[in-house]
Amino acid sequence: MEIATILEQFMMPIIVMACYAAGAALKSTKLIPDKFIPIIMFVIGGILAPLVTHELSVQTVLMGCISGWASTGLNQTIKQLGKEE
């Protein structure tokens, strides 16, 4: 199996994890208000997807955008599950 095929299969999780890490880093620096982090992750995901797949198409960019945006949802899920009631 080619590496490109493997990366295409796992593109969304790779982008979600990369954006999750970037979002956590941005949040810890306090340079950017928290309310802008989801938008930034949306854009970063849209940029990363074509770079990972080596394919520039509307579908690839949108999948990347959604994956980047999902990283903030993953962050919130982890935070909420860690809360004690």
C-alpha atoms as a PDB file:
ATOM      1  CA  MET A   1       0.000   0.000   0.000  1.00  0.00           C
ATOM      2  CA  GLU A   2       1.328   3.430  -0.894  1.00  0.00           C
ATOM      3  CA  ILE A   3       1.950   6.031   1.768  1.00  0.00           C
ATOM      4  CA  ALA A   4      -0.337   8.491  -0.044  1.00  0.00           C
ATOM      5  CA  THR A   5      -3.216   6.004   0.148  1.00  0.00           C
ATOM      6  CA  ILE A   6      -2.628   5.453   3.855  1.00  0.00           C
ATOM      7  CA  LEU A   7      -2.533   9.200   4.513  1.00  0.00           C
ATOM      8  CA  GLU A   8      -5.759   9.740   2.576  1.00  0.00           C
ATOM      9  CA  GLN A   9      -7.510   7.116   4.696  1.00  0.00           C
ATOM     10  CA  PHE A  10      -6.354   8.708   7.928  1.00  0.00           C
ATOM     11  CA  MET A  11      -6.442  12.345   6.789  1.00  0.00           C
ATOM     12  CA  MET A  12      -9.227  13.463   9.094  1.00  0.00           C
ATOM     13  CA  PRO A  13      -7.755  12.028  12.322  1.00  0.00           C
ATOM     14  CA  ILE A  14      -4.304  13.394  11.420  1.00  0.00           C
ATOM     15  CA  ILE A  15      -5.727  16.881  10.851  1.00  0.00           C
ATOM     16  CA  VAL A  16      -7.917  16.728  13.969  1.00  0.00           C
ATOM     17  CA  MET A  17      -4.914  15.791  16.110  1.00  0.00           C
ATOM     18  CA  ALA A  18      -2.655  18.421  14.497  1.00  0.00           C
ATOM     19  CA  CYS A  19      -5.290  21.128  14.972  1.00  0.00           C
ATOM     20  CA  TYR A  20      -5.989  19.943  18.516  1.00  0.00           C
ATOM     21  CA  ALA A  21      -2.303  20.383  19.351  1.00  0.00           C
ATOM     22  CA  ALA A  22      -2.140  23.771  17.606  1.00  0.00           C
ATOM     23  CA  GLY A  23      -5.297  24.943  19.381  1.00  0.00           C
ATOM     24  CA  ALA A  24      -3.978  23.844  22.772  1.00  0.00           C
ATOM     25  CA  ALA A  25      -0.719  25.677  22.071  1.00  0.00           C
ATOM     26  CA  LEU A  26      -2.584  28.839  21.048  1.00  0.00           C
ATOM     27  CA  LYS A  27      -4.765  28.664  24.130  1.00  0.00           C
ATOM     28  CA  SER A  28      -1.774  28.320  26.442  1.00  0.00           C
ATOM     29  CA  THR A  29      -0.009  31.353  24.946  1.00  0.00           C
ATOM     30  CA  LYS A  30      -2.934  33.733  25.571  1.00  0.00           C
ATOM     31  CA  LEU A  31      -1.894  35.690  22.435  1.00  0.00           C
ATOM     32  CA  ILE A  32      -5.231  35.068  20.756  1.00  0.00           C
ATOM     33  CA  PRO A  33      -8.644  35.281  22.460  1.00  0.00           C
ATOM     34  CA  ASP A  34     -10.253  31.867  22.944  1.00  0.00           C
ATOM     35  CA  LYS A  35     -13.267  32.811  20.832  1.00  0.00           C
ATOM     36  CA  PHE A  36     -11.081  32.945  17.687  1.00  0.00           C
ATOM     37  CA  ILE A  37      -9.426  29.539  18.135  1.00  0.00           C
ATOM     38  CA  PRO A  38     -12.225  27.526  16.411  1.00  0.00           C
ATOM     39  CA  ILE A  39     -12.040  29.808  13.354  1.00  0.00           C
ATOM     40  CA  ILE A  40      -8.258  29.523  13.241  1.00  0.00           C
ATOM     41  CA  MET A  41      -8.484  25.719  13.470  1.00  0.00           C
ATOM     42  CA  PHE A  42     -11.058  25.761  10.638  1.00  0.00           C
ATOM     43  CA  VAL A  43      -8.586  27.635   8.429  1.00  0.00           C
ATOM     44  CA  ILE A  44      -5.567  25.552   9.469  1.00  0.00           C
ATOM     45  CA  GLY A  45      -7.512  22.360   8.707  1.00  0.00           C
ATOM     46  CA  GLY A  46      -8.381  23.702   5.263  1.00  0.00           C
ATOM     47  CA  ILE A  47      -4.723  24.428   4.607  1.00  0.00           C
ATOM     48  CA  LEU A  48      -3.406  21.124   5.994  1.00  0.00           C
ATOM     49  CA  ALA A  49      -5.755  18.833   4.052  1.00  0.00           C
ATOM     50  CA  PRO A  50      -4.349  19.560   0.572  1.00  0.00           C
ATOM     51  CA  LEU A  51      -0.814  19.399   1.971  1.00  0.00           C
ATOM     52  CA  VAL A  52      -1.424  15.961   3.488  1.00  0.00           C
ATOM     53  CA  THR A  53      -3.237  14.477   0.476  1.00  0.00           C
ATOM     54  CA  HIS A  54      -1.351  16.316  -2.281  1.00  0.00           C
ATOM     55  CA  GLU A  55      -4.723  17.058  -3.867  1.00  0.00           C
ATOM     56  CA  LEU A  56      -6.257  20.492  -4.159  1.00  0.00           C
ATOM     57  CA  SER A  57     -10.010  20.264  -4.537  1.00  0.00           C
ATOM     58  CA  VAL A  58     -13.033  21.835  -2.903  1.00  0.00           C
ATOM     59  CA  GLN A  59     -13.908  18.524  -1.261  1.00  0.00           C
ATOM     60  CA  THR A  60     -10.417  18.112   0.200  1.00  0.00           C
ATOM     61  CA  VAL A  61     -10.352  21.660   1.561  1.00  0.00           C
ATOM     62  CA  LEU A  62     -13.837  21.309   3.079  1.00  0.00           C
ATOM     63  CA  MET A  63     -12.933  17.982   4.700  1.00  0.00           C
ATOM     64  CA  GLY A  64      -9.877  19.651   6.190  1.00  0.00           C
ATOM     65  CA  CYS A  65     -11.886  22.632   7.419  1.00  0.00           C
ATOM     66  CA  ILE A  66     -14.405  20.370   9.106  1.00  0.00           C
ATOM     67  CA  SER A  67     -11.619  18.279  10.625  1.00  0.00           C
ATOM     68  CA  GLY A  68      -9.921  21.387  11.991  1.00  0.00           C
ATOM     69  CA  TRP A  69     -13.169  22.676  13.397  1.00  0.00           C
ATOM     70  CA  ALA A  70     -13.878  19.270  14.959  1.00  0.00           C
ATOM     71  CA  SER A  71     -10.654  19.553  16.945  1.00  0.00           C
ATOM     72  CA  THR A  72     -12.248  22.237  19.123  1.00  0.00           C
ATOM     73  CA  GLY A  73     -15.200  19.918  19.722  1.00  0.00           C
ATOM     74  CA  LEU A  74     -12.766  17.183  20.747  1.00  0.00           C
ATOM     75  CA  ASN A  75     -11.121  19.605  23.150  1.00  0.00           C
ATOM     76  CA  GLN A  76     -14.451  20.515  24.735  1.00  0.00           C
ATOM     77  CA  THR A  77     -15.493  16.864  25.001  1.00  0.00           C
ATOM     78  CA  ILE A  78     -12.298  16.019  26.866  1.00  0.00           C
ATOM     79  CA  LYS A  79     -12.761  19.008  29.170  1.00  0.00           C
ATOM     80  CA  GLN A  80     -16.400  18.179  29.926  1.00  0.00           C
ATOM     81  CA  LEU A  81     -15.682  14.492  30.602  1.00  0.00           C
ATOM     82  CA  GLY A  82     -12.938  15.502  32.998  1.00  0.00           C
ATOM     83  CA  LYS A  83     -15.254  17.745  35.039  1.00  0.00           C
ATOM     84  CA  GLU A  84     -16.537  16.518  38.353  1.00  0.00           C
ATOM     85  CA  GLU A  85     -20.156  17.227  39.105  1.00  0.00           C
END
